[in-house]
Full PDB file with SEQRES, HELIX, SHEET, SSBOND, CRYST1, ORIGX, SCALE, CONECT and MASTER records, all heavy atoms in Angstrom:
SEQRES   1 A   43  LEU VAL ALA SER ILE SER ASN ASP GLY GLY THR ILE TYR          
SEQRES   2 A   43  ALA ASP SER VAL LYS GLY ARG PHE THR ILE SER ARG ASP          
SEQRES   3 A   43  ASN ALA LYS LYS THR VAL TYR LEU GLN MET ASN SER LEU          
SEQRES   4 A   43  ASN ASP GLU ASP                                              
HELIX    1 AA1 ASP A   15  VAL A   17  5                                   3    
SHEET    1 AA1 2 ALA A   3  ILE A   5  0                                        
SHEET    2 AA1 2 THR A  11  TYR A  13 -1                                        
SHEET    1 AA2 2 PHE A  21  ASP A  26  0                                        
SHEET    2 AA2 2 THR A  31  MET A  36 -1                                        
CRYST1    1.000    1.000    1.000  90.00  90.00  90.00 P 1           1          
ORIGX1      1.000000  0.000000  0.000000        0.00000                         
ORIGX2      0.000000  1.000000  0.000000        0.00000                         
ORIGX3      0.000000  0.000000  1.000000        0.00000                         
SCALE1      1.000000  0.000000  0.000000        0.00000                         
SCALE2      0.000000  1.000000  0.000000        0.00000                         
SCALE3      0.000000  0.000000  1.000000        0.00000                         
ATOM      1  N   LEU A   1      98.051  76.899 -36.458  1.00  0.00           N  
ATOM      2  CA  LEU A   1      99.149  77.132 -35.521  1.00  0.00           C  
ATOM      3  C   LEU A   1      98.683  76.852 -34.092  1.00  0.00           C  
ATOM      4  O   LEU A   1      97.613  77.304 -33.672  1.00  0.00           O  
ATOM      5  CB  LEU A   1      99.623  78.581 -35.626  1.00  0.00           C  
ATOM      6  CG  LEU A   1     100.656  79.009 -34.596  1.00  0.00           C  
ATOM      7  CD1 LEU A   1     101.996  78.330 -34.857  1.00  0.00           C  
ATOM      8  CD2 LEU A   1     100.819  80.532 -34.598  1.00  0.00           C  
ATOM      9  N   VAL A   2      99.509  76.137 -33.363  1.00  0.00           N  
ATOM     10  CA  VAL A   2      99.274  75.925 -31.936  1.00  0.00           C  
ATOM     11  C   VAL A   2     100.163  76.868 -31.129  1.00  0.00           C  
ATOM     12  O   VAL A   2      99.683  77.580 -30.254  1.00  0.00           O  
ATOM     13  CB  VAL A   2      99.580  74.464 -31.547  1.00  0.00           C  
ATOM     14  CG1 VAL A   2      99.435  74.270 -30.037  1.00  0.00           C  
ATOM     15  CG2 VAL A   2      98.676  73.509 -32.305  1.00  0.00           C  
ATOM     16  N   ALA A   3     101.448  76.845 -31.447  1.00  0.00           N  
ATOM     17  CA  ALA A   3     102.407  77.694 -30.737  1.00  0.00           C  
ATOM     18  C   ALA A   3     103.670  77.820 -31.565  1.00  0.00           C  
ATOM     19  O   ALA A   3     103.997  76.914 -32.331  1.00  0.00           O  
ATOM     20  CB  ALA A   3     102.745  77.114 -29.361  1.00  0.00           C  
ATOM     21  N   SER A   4     104.349  78.923 -31.395  1.00  0.00           N  
ATOM     22  CA  SER A   4     105.627  79.112 -32.064  1.00  0.00           C  
ATOM     23  C   SER A   4     106.597  79.802 -31.120  1.00  0.00           C  
ATOM     24  O   SER A   4     106.187  80.491 -30.174  1.00  0.00           O  
ATOM     25  CB  SER A   4     105.480  79.911 -33.355  1.00  0.00           C  
ATOM     26  OG  SER A   4     105.132  81.243 -33.071  1.00  0.00           O  
ATOM     27  N   ILE A   5     107.881  79.602 -31.405  1.00  0.00           N  
ATOM     28  CA  ILE A   5     108.936  80.228 -30.616  1.00  0.00           C  
ATOM     29  C   ILE A   5     110.004  80.715 -31.572  1.00  0.00           C  
ATOM     30  O   ILE A   5     110.492  79.966 -32.425  1.00  0.00           O  
ATOM     31  CB  ILE A   5     109.486  79.249 -29.553  1.00  0.00           C  
ATOM     32  CG1 ILE A   5     110.529  79.940 -28.673  1.00  0.00           C  
ATOM     33  CG2 ILE A   5     110.024  77.967 -30.173  1.00  0.00           C  
ATOM     34  CD1 ILE A   5     110.858  79.154 -27.405  1.00  0.00           C  
ATOM     35  N   SER A   6     110.361  81.974 -31.446  1.00  0.00           N  
ATOM     36  CA  SER A   6     111.343  82.562 -32.344  1.00  0.00           C  
ATOM     37  C   SER A   6     112.759  82.216 -31.897  1.00  0.00           C  
ATOM     38  O   SER A   6     112.964  81.633 -30.831  1.00  0.00           O  
ATOM     39  CB  SER A   6     111.165  84.075 -32.387  1.00  0.00           C  
ATOM     40  OG  SER A   6     111.470  84.632 -31.119  1.00  0.00           O  
ATOM     41  N   ASN A   7     113.726  82.616 -32.714  1.00  0.00           N  
ATOM     42  CA  ASN A   7     115.111  82.302 -32.377  1.00  0.00           C  
ATOM     43  C   ASN A   7     115.565  83.007 -31.106  1.00  0.00           C  
ATOM     44  O   ASN A   7     116.492  82.548 -30.430  1.00  0.00           O  
ATOM     45  CB  ASN A   7     116.044  82.639 -33.538  1.00  0.00           C  
ATOM     46  CG  ASN A   7     116.030  84.102 -33.881  1.00  0.00           C  
ATOM     47  OD1 ASN A   7     115.008  84.772 -33.787  1.00  0.00           O  
ATOM     48  ND2 ASN A   7     117.165  84.623 -34.288  1.00  0.00           N  
ATOM     49  N   ASP A   8     114.903  84.113 -30.743  1.00  0.00           N  
ATOM     50  CA  ASP A   8     115.274  84.807 -29.508  1.00  0.00           C  
ATOM     51  C   ASP A   8     114.356  84.475 -28.342  1.00  0.00           C  
ATOM     52  O   ASP A   8     114.396  85.123 -27.298  1.00  0.00           O  
ATOM     53  CB  ASP A   8     115.323  86.315 -29.722  1.00  0.00           C  
ATOM     54  CG  ASP A   8     113.978  86.897 -30.096  1.00  0.00           C  
ATOM     55  OD1 ASP A   8     112.997  86.131 -30.200  1.00  0.00           O  
ATOM     56  OD2 ASP A   8     113.899  88.129 -30.294  1.00  0.00           O  
ATOM     57  N   GLY A   9     113.500  83.465 -28.533  1.00  0.00           N  
ATOM     58  CA  GLY A   9     112.681  82.977 -27.434  1.00  0.00           C  
ATOM     59  C   GLY A   9     111.290  83.559 -27.320  1.00  0.00           C  
ATOM     60  O   GLY A   9     110.535  83.185 -26.409  1.00  0.00           O  
ATOM     61  N   GLY A  10     110.913  84.455 -28.205  1.00  0.00           N  
ATOM     62  CA  GLY A  10     109.570  84.987 -28.185  1.00  0.00           C  
ATOM     63  C   GLY A  10     108.545  83.923 -28.555  1.00  0.00           C  
ATOM     64  O   GLY A  10     108.790  83.129 -29.464  1.00  0.00           O  
ATOM     65  N   THR A  11     107.424  83.913 -27.865  1.00  0.00           N  
ATOM     66  CA  THR A  11     106.426  82.866 -28.083  1.00  0.00           C  
ATOM     67  C   THR A  11     105.074  83.448 -28.495  1.00  0.00           C  
ATOM     68  O   THR A  11     104.715  84.572 -28.124  1.00  0.00           O  
ATOM     69  CB  THR A  11     106.229  82.012 -26.821  1.00  0.00           C  
ATOM     70  OG1 THR A  11     105.858  82.849 -25.731  1.00  0.00           O  
ATOM     71  CG2 THR A  11     107.505  81.260 -26.470  1.00  0.00           C  
ATOM     72  N   ILE A  12     104.359  82.649 -29.245  1.00  0.00           N  
ATOM     73  CA  ILE A  12     102.994  82.952 -29.661  1.00  0.00           C  
ATOM     74  C   ILE A  12     102.172  81.698 -29.436  1.00  0.00           C  
ATOM     75  O   ILE A  12     102.632  80.593 -29.736  1.00  0.00           O  
ATOM     76  CB  ILE A  12     102.938  83.357 -31.143  1.00  0.00           C  
ATOM     77  CG1 ILE A  12     103.705  84.657 -31.373  1.00  0.00           C  
ATOM     78  CG2 ILE A  12     101.491  83.509 -31.604  1.00  0.00           C  
ATOM     79  CD1 ILE A  12     103.841  85.032 -32.834  1.00  0.00           C  
ATOM     80  N   TYR A  13     100.960  81.876 -28.929  1.00  0.00           N  
ATOM     81  CA  TYR A  13     100.062  80.749 -28.689  1.00  0.00           C  
ATOM     82  C   TYR A  13      98.695  81.014 -29.309  1.00  0.00           C  
ATOM     83  O   TYR A  13      98.201  82.145 -29.305  1.00  0.00           O  
ATOM     84  CB  TYR A  13      99.871  80.513 -27.189  1.00  0.00           C  
ATOM     85  CG  TYR A  13     101.111  80.038 -26.474  1.00  0.00           C  
ATOM     86  CD1 TYR A  13     101.969  80.937 -25.856  1.00  0.00           C  
ATOM     87  CD2 TYR A  13     101.422  78.682 -26.419  1.00  0.00           C  
ATOM     88  CE1 TYR A  13     103.107  80.504 -25.204  1.00  0.00           C  
ATOM     89  CE2 TYR A  13     102.567  78.241 -25.768  1.00  0.00           C  
ATOM     90  CZ  TYR A  13     103.400  79.168 -25.166  1.00  0.00           C  
ATOM     91  OH  TYR A  13     104.528  78.730 -24.519  1.00  0.00           O  
ATOM     92  N   ALA A  14      98.081  79.956 -29.771  1.00  0.00           N  
ATOM     93  CA  ALA A  14      96.678  80.046 -30.152  1.00  0.00           C  
ATOM     94  C   ALA A  14      95.856  80.290 -28.896  1.00  0.00           C  
ATOM     95  O   ALA A  14      96.190  79.795 -27.807  1.00  0.00           O  
ATOM     96  CB  ALA A  14      96.241  78.754 -30.833  1.00  0.00           C  
ATOM     97  N   ASP A  15      94.770  81.034 -29.038  1.00  0.00           N  
ATOM     98  CA  ASP A  15      93.936  81.347 -27.871  1.00  0.00           C  
ATOM     99  C   ASP A  15      93.440  80.081 -27.178  1.00  0.00           C  
ATOM    100  O   ASP A  15      93.307  80.054 -25.950  1.00  0.00           O  
ATOM    101  CB  ASP A  15      92.741  82.199 -28.302  1.00  0.00           C  
ATOM    102  CG  ASP A  15      93.127  83.622 -28.636  1.00  0.00           C  
ATOM    103  OD1 ASP A  15      94.237  84.053 -28.245  1.00  0.00           O  
ATOM    104  OD2 ASP A  15      92.336  84.304 -29.305  1.00  0.00           O  
ATOM    105  N   SER A  16      93.181  79.063 -27.962  1.00  0.00           N  
ATOM    106  CA  SER A  16      92.587  77.841 -27.413  1.00  0.00           C  
ATOM    107  C   SER A  16      93.542  77.065 -26.508  1.00  0.00           C  
ATOM    108  O   SER A  16      93.101  76.184 -25.764  1.00  0.00           O  
ATOM    109  CB  SER A  16      92.113  76.935 -28.549  1.00  0.00           C  
ATOM    110  OG  SER A  16      93.206  76.574 -29.372  1.00  0.00           O  
ATOM    111  N   VAL A  17      94.827  77.371 -26.568  1.00  0.00           N  
ATOM    112  CA  VAL A  17      95.789  76.609 -25.762  1.00  0.00           C  
ATOM    113  C   VAL A  17      96.514  77.470 -24.728  1.00  0.00           C  
ATOM    114  O   VAL A  17      97.299  76.944 -23.937  1.00  0.00           O  
ATOM    115  CB  VAL A  17      96.827  75.881 -26.649  1.00  0.00           C  
ATOM    116  CG1 VAL A  17      96.134  75.037 -27.704  1.00  0.00           C  
ATOM    117  CG2 VAL A  17      97.798  76.863 -27.291  1.00  0.00           C  
ATOM    118  N   LYS A  18      96.254  78.759 -24.727  1.00  0.00           N  
ATOM    119  CA  LYS A  18      96.924  79.644 -23.769  1.00  0.00           C  
ATOM    120  C   LYS A  18      96.642  79.192 -22.342  1.00  0.00           C  
ATOM    121  O   LYS A  18      95.497  78.906 -21.980  1.00  0.00           O  
ATOM    122  CB  LYS A  18      96.452  81.081 -23.962  1.00  0.00           C  
ATOM    123  CG  LYS A  18      97.064  81.771 -25.169  1.00  0.00           C  
ATOM    124  CD  LYS A  18      96.563  83.205 -25.294  1.00  0.00           C  
ATOM    125  CE  LYS A  18      97.167  83.879 -26.520  1.00  0.00           C  
ATOM    126  NZ  LYS A  18      96.628  85.255 -26.709  1.00  0.00           N  
ATOM    127  N   GLY A  19      97.706  79.134 -21.558  1.00  0.00           N  
ATOM    128  CA  GLY A  19      97.561  78.717 -20.170  1.00  0.00           C  
ATOM    129  C   GLY A  19      97.604  77.213 -19.972  1.00  0.00           C  
ATOM    130  O   GLY A  19      97.702  76.740 -18.840  1.00  0.00           O  
ATOM    131  N   ARG A  20      97.548  76.456 -21.060  1.00  0.00           N  
ATOM    132  CA  ARG A  20      97.590  74.992 -20.959  1.00  0.00           C  
ATOM    133  C   ARG A  20      98.834  74.405 -21.618  1.00  0.00           C  
ATOM    134  O   ARG A  20      99.372  73.407 -21.148  1.00  0.00           O  
ATOM    135  CB  ARG A  20      96.343  74.376 -21.612  1.00  0.00           C  
ATOM    136  CG  ARG A  20      95.043  74.814 -21.003  1.00  0.00           C  
ATOM    137  CD  ARG A  20      93.878  74.001 -21.564  1.00  0.00           C  
ATOM    138  NE  ARG A  20      93.710  74.165 -23.006  1.00  0.00           N  
ATOM    139  CZ  ARG A  20      93.713  73.160 -23.884  1.00  0.00           C  
ATOM    140  NH1 ARG A  20      93.889  71.906 -23.473  1.00  0.00           N  
ATOM    141  NH2 ARG A  20      93.541  73.397 -25.189  1.00  0.00           N  
ATOM    142  N   PHE A  21      99.266  75.011 -22.718  1.00  0.00           N  
ATOM    143  CA  PHE A  21     100.410  74.497 -23.470  1.00  0.00           C  
ATOM    144  C   PHE A  21     101.599  75.439 -23.299  1.00  0.00           C  
ATOM    145  O   PHE A  21     101.424  76.659 -23.179  1.00  0.00           O  
ATOM    146  CB  PHE A  21     100.084  74.409 -24.959  1.00  0.00           C  
ATOM    147  CG  PHE A  21      99.082  73.351 -25.336  1.00  0.00           C  
ATOM    148  CD1 PHE A  21      98.356  72.656 -24.387  1.00  0.00           C  
ATOM    149  CD2 PHE A  21      98.874  73.046 -26.682  1.00  0.00           C  
ATOM    150  CE1 PHE A  21      97.436  71.690 -24.745  1.00  0.00           C  
ATOM    151  CE2 PHE A  21      97.963  72.078 -27.061  1.00  0.00           C  
ATOM    152  CZ  PHE A  21      97.235  71.411 -26.085  1.00  0.00           C  
ATOM    153  N   THR A  22     102.796  74.861 -23.338  1.00  0.00           N  
ATOM    154  CA  THR A  22     104.020  75.646 -23.265  1.00  0.00           C  
ATOM    155  C   THR A  22     105.002  75.140 -24.310  1.00  0.00           C  
ATOM    156  O   THR A  22     105.306  73.941 -24.350  1.00  0.00           O  
ATOM    157  CB  THR A  22     104.668  75.555 -21.879  1.00  0.00           C  
ATOM    158  OG1 THR A  22     103.738  75.989 -20.880  1.00  0.00           O  
ATOM    159  CG2 THR A  22     105.914  76.433 -21.813  1.00  0.00           C  
ATOM    160  N   ILE A  23     105.487  76.051 -25.132  1.00  0.00           N  
ATOM    161  CA  ILE A  23     106.504  75.709 -26.123  1.00  0.00           C  
ATOM    162  C   ILE A  23     107.863  76.145 -25.592  1.00  0.00           C  
ATOM    163  O   ILE A  23     107.986  77.193 -24.950  1.00  0.00           O  
ATOM    164  CB  ILE A  23     106.197  76.356 -27.489  1.00  0.00           C  
ATOM    165  CG1 ILE A  23     107.149  75.822 -28.560  1.00  0.00           C  
ATOM    166  CG2 ILE A  23     106.242  77.882 -27.410  1.00  0.00           C  
ATOM    167  CD1 ILE A  23     106.754  76.243 -29.990  1.00  0.00           C  
ATOM    168  N   SER A  24     108.867  75.330 -25.852  1.00  0.00           N  
ATOM    169  CA  SER A  24     110.226  75.671 -25.432  1.00  0.00           C  
ATOM    170  C   SER A  24     111.201  75.056 -26.427  1.00  0.00           C  
ATOM    171  O   SER A  24     110.818  74.201 -27.231  1.00  0.00           O  
ATOM    172  CB  SER A  24     110.507  75.163 -24.016  1.00  0.00           C  
ATOM    173  OG  SER A  24     110.381  73.754 -23.943  1.00  0.00           O  
ATOM    174  N   ARG A  25     112.436  75.500 -26.347  1.00  0.00           N  
ATOM    175  CA  ARG A  25     113.431  74.982 -27.270  1.00  0.00           C  
ATOM    176  C   ARG A  25     114.760  74.806 -26.564  1.00  0.00           C  
ATOM    177  O   ARG A  25     115.070  75.522 -25.607  1.00  0.00           O  
ATOM    178  CB  ARG A  25     113.589  75.905 -28.477  1.00  0.00           C  
ATOM    179  CG  ARG A  25     114.130  77.283 -28.167  1.00  0.00           C  
ATOM    180  CD  ARG A  25     114.017  78.215 -29.383  1.00  0.00           C  
ATOM    181  NE  ARG A  25     114.821  77.757 -30.499  1.00  0.00           N  
ATOM    182  CZ  ARG A  25     114.648  78.170 -31.762  1.00  0.00           C  
ATOM    183  NH1 ARG A  25     113.692  79.037 -32.036  1.00  0.00           N  
ATOM    184  NH2 ARG A  25     115.427  77.712 -32.719  1.00  0.00           N  
ATOM    185  N   ASP A  26     115.547  73.861 -27.063  1.00  0.00           N  
ATOM    186  CA  ASP A  26     116.901  73.617 -26.588  1.00  0.00           C  
ATOM    187  C   ASP A  26     117.790  73.631 -27.829  1.00  0.00           C  
ATOM    188  O   ASP A  26     117.833  72.644 -28.575  1.00  0.00           O  
ATOM    189  CB  ASP A  26     116.975  72.278 -25.854  1.00  0.00           C  
ATOM    190  CG  ASP A  26     118.335  72.007 -25.231  1.00  0.00           C  
ATOM    191  OD1 ASP A  26     119.349  72.544 -25.740  1.00  0.00           O  
ATOM    192  OD2 ASP A  26     118.398  71.245 -24.270  1.00  0.00           O  
ATOM    193  N   ASN A  27     118.467  74.723 -28.051  1.00  0.00           N  
ATOM    194  CA  ASN A  27     119.261  74.858 -29.271  1.00  0.00           C  
ATOM    195  C   ASN A  27     120.436  73.885 -29.303  1.00  0.00           C  
ATOM    196  O   ASN A  27     120.826  73.414 -30.376  1.00  0.00           O  
ATOM    197  CB  ASN A  27     119.765  76.288 -29.418  1.00  0.00           C  
ATOM    198  CG  ASN A  27     118.659  77.262 -29.768  1.00  0.00           C  
ATOM    199  OD1 ASN A  27     117.608  76.871 -30.293  1.00  0.00           O  
ATOM    200  ND2 ASN A  27     118.869  78.527 -29.454  1.00  0.00           N  
ATOM    201  N   ALA A  28     120.986  73.563 -28.155  1.00  0.00           N  
ATOM    202  CA  ALA A  28     122.104  72.620 -28.117  1.00  0.00           C  
ATOM    203  C   ALA A  28     121.672  71.232 -28.586  1.00  0.00           C  
ATOM    204  O   ALA A  28     122.455  70.497 -29.196  1.00  0.00           O  
ATOM    205  CB  ALA A  28     122.679  72.548 -26.715  1.00  0.00           C  
ATOM    206  N   LYS A  29     120.422  70.890 -28.309  1.00  0.00           N  
ATOM    207  CA  LYS A  29     119.888  69.580 -28.707  1.00  0.00           C  
ATOM    208  C   LYS A  29     119.094  69.660 -30.008  1.00  0.00           C  
ATOM    209  O   LYS A  29     118.571  68.656 -30.469  1.00  0.00           O  
ATOM    210  CB  LYS A  29     118.998  69.020 -27.604  1.00  0.00           C  
ATOM    211  CG  LYS A  29     119.739  68.706 -26.324  1.00  0.00           C  
ATOM    212  CD  LYS A  29     118.804  68.083 -25.289  1.00  0.00           C  
ATOM    213  CE  LYS A  29     119.555  67.726 -24.017  1.00  0.00           C  
ATOM    214  NZ  LYS A  29     118.660  67.119 -23.001  1.00  0.00           N  
ATOM    215  N   LYS A  30     118.986  70.867 -30.572  1.00  0.00           N  
ATOM    216  CA  LYS A  30     118.199  71.063 -31.799  1.00  0.00           C  
ATOM    217  C   LYS A  30     116.792  70.487 -31.628  1.00  0.00           C  
ATOM    218  O   LYS A  30     116.274  69.774 -32.500  1.00  0.00           O  
ATOM    219  CB  LYS A  30     118.884  70.425 -33.000  1.00  0.00           C  
ATOM    220  CG  LYS A  30     120.215  71.079 -33.373  1.00  0.00           C  
ATOM    221  CD  LYS A  30     120.773  70.457 -34.646  1.00  0.00           C  
ATOM    222  CE  LYS A  30     122.081  71.076 -35.049  1.00  0.00           C  
ATOM    223  NZ  LYS A  30     122.617  70.476 -36.299  1.00  0.00           N  
ATOM    224  N   THR A  31     116.203  70.797 -30.501  1.00  0.00           N  
ATOM    225  CA  THR A  31     114.905  70.216 -30.167  1.00  0.00           C  
ATOM    226  C   THR A  31     113.934  71.296 -29.705  1.00  0.00           C  
ATOM    227  O   THR A  31     114.318  72.201 -28.959  1.00  0.00           O  
ATOM    228  CB  THR A  31     115.061  69.159 -29.059  1.00  0.00           C  
ATOM    229  OG1 THR A  31     115.961  68.137 -29.510  1.00  0.00           O  
ATOM    230  CG2 THR A  31     113.720  68.514 -28.720  1.00  0.00           C  
ATOM    231  N   VAL A  32     112.705  71.168 -30.146  1.00  0.00           N  
ATOM    232  CA  VAL A  32     111.627  72.022 -29.658  1.00  0.00           C  
ATOM    233  C   VAL A  32     110.600  71.117 -28.993  1.00  0.00           C  
ATOM    234  O   VAL A  32     110.353  69.999 -29.452  1.00  0.00           O  
ATOM    235  CB  VAL A  32     111.008  72.861 -30.795  1.00  0.00           C  
ATOM    236  CG1 VAL A  32     110.384  71.996 -31.875  1.00  0.00           C  
ATOM    237  CG2 VAL A  32     110.011  73.860 -30.250  1.00  0.00           C  
ATOM    238  N   TYR A  33     110.030  71.624 -27.909  1.00  0.00           N  
ATOM    239  CA  TYR A  33     109.091  70.853 -27.117  1.00  0.00           C  
ATOM    240  C   TYR A  33     107.725  71.541 -27.075  1.00  0.00           C  
ATOM    241  O   TYR A  33     107.624  72.764 -27.211  1.00  0.00           O  
ATOM    242  CB  TYR A  33     109.597  70.705 -25.674  1.00  0.00           C  
ATOM    243  CG  TYR A  33     110.964  70.091 -25.559  1.00  0.00           C  
ATOM    244  CD1 TYR A  33     112.094  70.891 -25.415  1.00  0.00           C  
ATOM    245  CD2 TYR A  33     111.137  68.713 -25.591  1.00  0.00           C  
ATOM    246  CE1 TYR A  33     113.362  70.339 -25.296  1.00  0.00           C  
ATOM    247  CE2 TYR A  33     112.404  68.145 -25.477  1.00  0.00           C  
ATOM    248  CZ  TYR A  33     113.503  68.968 -25.334  1.00  0.00           C  
ATOM    249  OH  TYR A  33     114.762  68.409 -25.220  1.00  0.00           O  
ATOM    250  N   LEU A  34     106.718  70.748 -26.850  1.00  0.00           N  
ATOM    251  CA  LEU A  34     105.391  71.283 -26.578  1.00  0.00           C  
ATOM    252  C   LEU A  34     104.816  70.524 -25.390  1.00  0.00           C  
ATOM    253  O   LEU A  34     104.469  69.348 -25.505  1.00  0.00           O  
ATOM    254  CB  LEU A  34     104.461  71.147 -27.787  1.00  0.00           C  
ATOM    255  CG  LEU A  34     103.091  71.802 -27.607  1.00  0.00           C  
ATOM    256  CD1 LEU A  34     103.249  73.333 -27.547  1.00  0.00           C  
ATOM    257  CD2 LEU A  34     102.147  71.414 -28.743  1.00  0.00           C  
ATOM    258  N   GLN A  35     104.791  71.183 -24.251  1.00  0.00           N  
ATOM    259  CA  GLN A  35     104.190  70.603 -23.063  1.00  0.00           C  
ATOM    260  C   GLN A  35     102.694  70.910 -23.097  1.00  0.00           C  
ATOM    261  O   GLN A  35     102.306  72.083 -23.166  1.00  0.00           O  
ATOM    262  CB  GLN A  35     104.814  71.190 -21.798  1.00  0.00           C  
ATOM    263  CG  GLN A  35     104.202  70.684 -20.504  1.00  0.00           C  
ATOM    264  CD  GLN A  35     104.444  69.207 -20.282  1.00  0.00           C  
ATOM    265  OE1 GLN A  35     105.544  68.718 -20.476  1.00  0.00           O  
ATOM    266  NE2 GLN A  35     103.407  68.488 -19.850  1.00  0.00           N  
ATOM    267  N   MET A  36     101.886  69.865 -23.049  1.00  0.00           N  
ATOM    268  CA  MET A  36     100.445  70.022 -23.160  1.00  0.00           C  
ATOM    269  C   MET A  36      99.786  69.499 -21.886  1.00  0.00           C  
ATOM    270  O   MET A  36      99.910  68.323 -21.558  1.00  0.00           O  
ATOM    271  CB  MET A  36      99.925  69.251 -24.379  1.00  0.00           C  
ATOM    272  CG  MET A  36     100.611  69.630 -25.674  1.00  0.00           C  
ATOM    273  SD  MET A  36      99.865  68.854 -27.122  1.00  0.00           S  
ATOM    274  CE  MET A  36     100.232  67.133 -26.804  1.00  0.00           C  
ATOM    275  N   ASN A  37      99.117  70.398 -21.191  1.00  0.00           N  
ATOM    276  CA  ASN A  37      98.425  70.039 -19.956  1.00  0.00           C  
ATOM    277  C   ASN A  37      96.919  70.258 -20.104  1.00  0.00           C  
ATOM    278  O   ASN A  37      96.474  70.949 -21.020  1.00  0.00           O  
ATOM    279  CB  ASN A  37      98.951  70.881 -18.791  1.00  0.00           C  
ATOM    280  CG  ASN A  37     100.427  70.677 -18.536  1.00  0.00           C  
ATOM    281  OD1 ASN A  37     100.978  69.582 -18.733  1.00  0.00           O  
ATOM    282  ND2 ASN A  37     101.102  71.726 -18.096  1.00  0.00           N  
ATOM    283  N   SER A  38      96.173  69.682 -19.203  1.00  0.00           N  
ATOM    284  CA  SER A  38      94.712  69.841 -19.196  1.00  0.00           C  
ATOM    285  C   SER A  38      94.113  69.567 -20.569  1.00  0.00           C  
ATOM    286  O   SER A  38      93.303  70.340 -21.080  1.00  0.00           O  
ATOM    287  CB  SER A  38      94.332  71.258 -18.722  1.00  0.00           C  
ATOM    288  OG  SER A  38      94.843  71.515 -17.437  1.00  0.00           O  
ATOM    289  N   LEU A  39      94.517  68.475 -21.156  1.00  0.00           N  
ATOM    290  CA  LEU A  39      94.066  68.147 -22.512  1.00  0.00           C  
ATOM    291  C   LEU A  39      92.567  67.839 -22.528  1.00  0.00           C  
ATOM    292  O   LEU A  39      92.027  67.275 -21.577  1.00  0.00           O  
ATOM    293  CB  LEU A  39      94.856  66.960 -23.048  1.00  0.00           C  
ATOM    294  CG  LEU A  39      96.302  67.288 -23.428  1.00  0.00           C  
ATOM    295  CD1 LEU A  39      97.159  66.033 -23.488  1.00  0.00           C  
ATOM    296  CD2 LEU A  39      96.338  68.018 -24.767  1.00  0.00           C  
ATOM    297  N   ASN A  40      91.934  68.232 -23.608  1.00  0.00           N  
ATOM    298  CA  ASN A  40      90.523  67.911 -23.821  1.00  0.00           C  
ATOM    299  C   ASN A  40      90.341  67.343 -25.221  1.00  0.00           C  
ATOM    300  O   ASN A  40      91.271  67.351 -26.035  1.00  0.00           O  
ATOM    301  CB  ASN A  40      89.648  69.133 -23.578  1.00  0.00           C  
ATOM    302  CG  ASN A  40      89.993  70.294 -24.486  1.00  0.00           C  
ATOM    303  OD1 ASN A  40      89.894  70.180 -25.713  1.00  0.00           O  
ATOM    304  ND2 ASN A  40      90.398  71.406 -23.895  1.00  0.00           N  
ATOM    305  N   ASP A  41      89.138  66.877 -25.519  1.00  0.00           N  
ATOM    306  CA  ASP A  41      88.945  66.160 -26.781  1.00  0.00           C  
ATOM    307  C   ASP A  41      89.130  67.067 -27.992  1.00  0.00           C  
ATOM    308  O   ASP A  41      89.407  66.571 -29.097  1.00  0.00           O  
ATOM    309  CB  ASP A  41      87.588  65.455 -26.817  1.00  0.00           C  
ATOM    310  CG  ASP A  41      86.439  66.395 -26.571  1.00  0.00           C  
ATOM    311  OD1 ASP A  41      86.670  67.609 -26.437  1.00  0.00           O  
ATOM    312  OD2 ASP A  41      85.287  65.924 -26.492  1.00  0.00           O  
ATOM    313  N   GLU A  42      89.025  68.371 -27.806  1.00  0.00           N  
ATOM    314  CA  GLU A  42      89.258  69.288 -28.922  1.00  0.00           C  
ATOM    315  C   GLU A  42      90.737  69.397 -29.279  1.00  0.00           C  
ATOM    316  O   GLU A  42      91.088  69.982 -30.303  1.00  0.00           O  
ATOM    317  CB  GLU A  42      88.686  70.671 -28.602  1.00  0.00           C  
ATOM    318  CG  GLU A  42      87.164  70.671 -28.495  1.00  0.00           C  
ATOM    319  CD  GLU A  42      86.598  72.063 -28.274  1.00  0.00           C  
ATOM    320  OE1 GLU A  42      87.366  72.980 -27.930  1.00  0.00           O  
ATOM    321  OE2 GLU A  42      85.366  72.228 -28.437  1.00  0.00           O  
ATOM    322  N   ASP A  43      91.599  68.847 -28.447  1.00  0.00           N  
ATOM    323  CA  ASP A  43      93.032  68.837 -28.744  1.00  0.00           C  
ATOM    324  C   ASP A  43      93.429  67.636 -29.598  1.00  0.00           C  
ATOM    325  O   ASP A  43      94.588  67.530 -30.014  1.00  0.00           O  
ATOM    326  CB  ASP A  43      93.843  68.830 -27.451  1.00  0.00           C  
ATOM    327  CG  ASP A  43      93.618  70.071 -26.611  1.00  0.00           C  
ATOM    328  OD1 ASP A  43      93.606  71.174 -27.190  1.00  0.00           O  
ATOM    329  OD2 ASP A  43      93.461  69.933 -25.386  1.00  0.00           O  
TER     330      ASP A  43                                                      
MASTER        0    0    0    1    4    0    0    6  329    1    0    4          
END                                                                             
């Protein structure tokens, strides 16, 4: 698991990505996003 987002917007992140990755969702577009910043080779 990298990140998850519940139907009410609650989020969970793996320790290795906290502060660098952001999960979000757009229910109208039926789309979930993962913004990944400060990427390193372990990603």
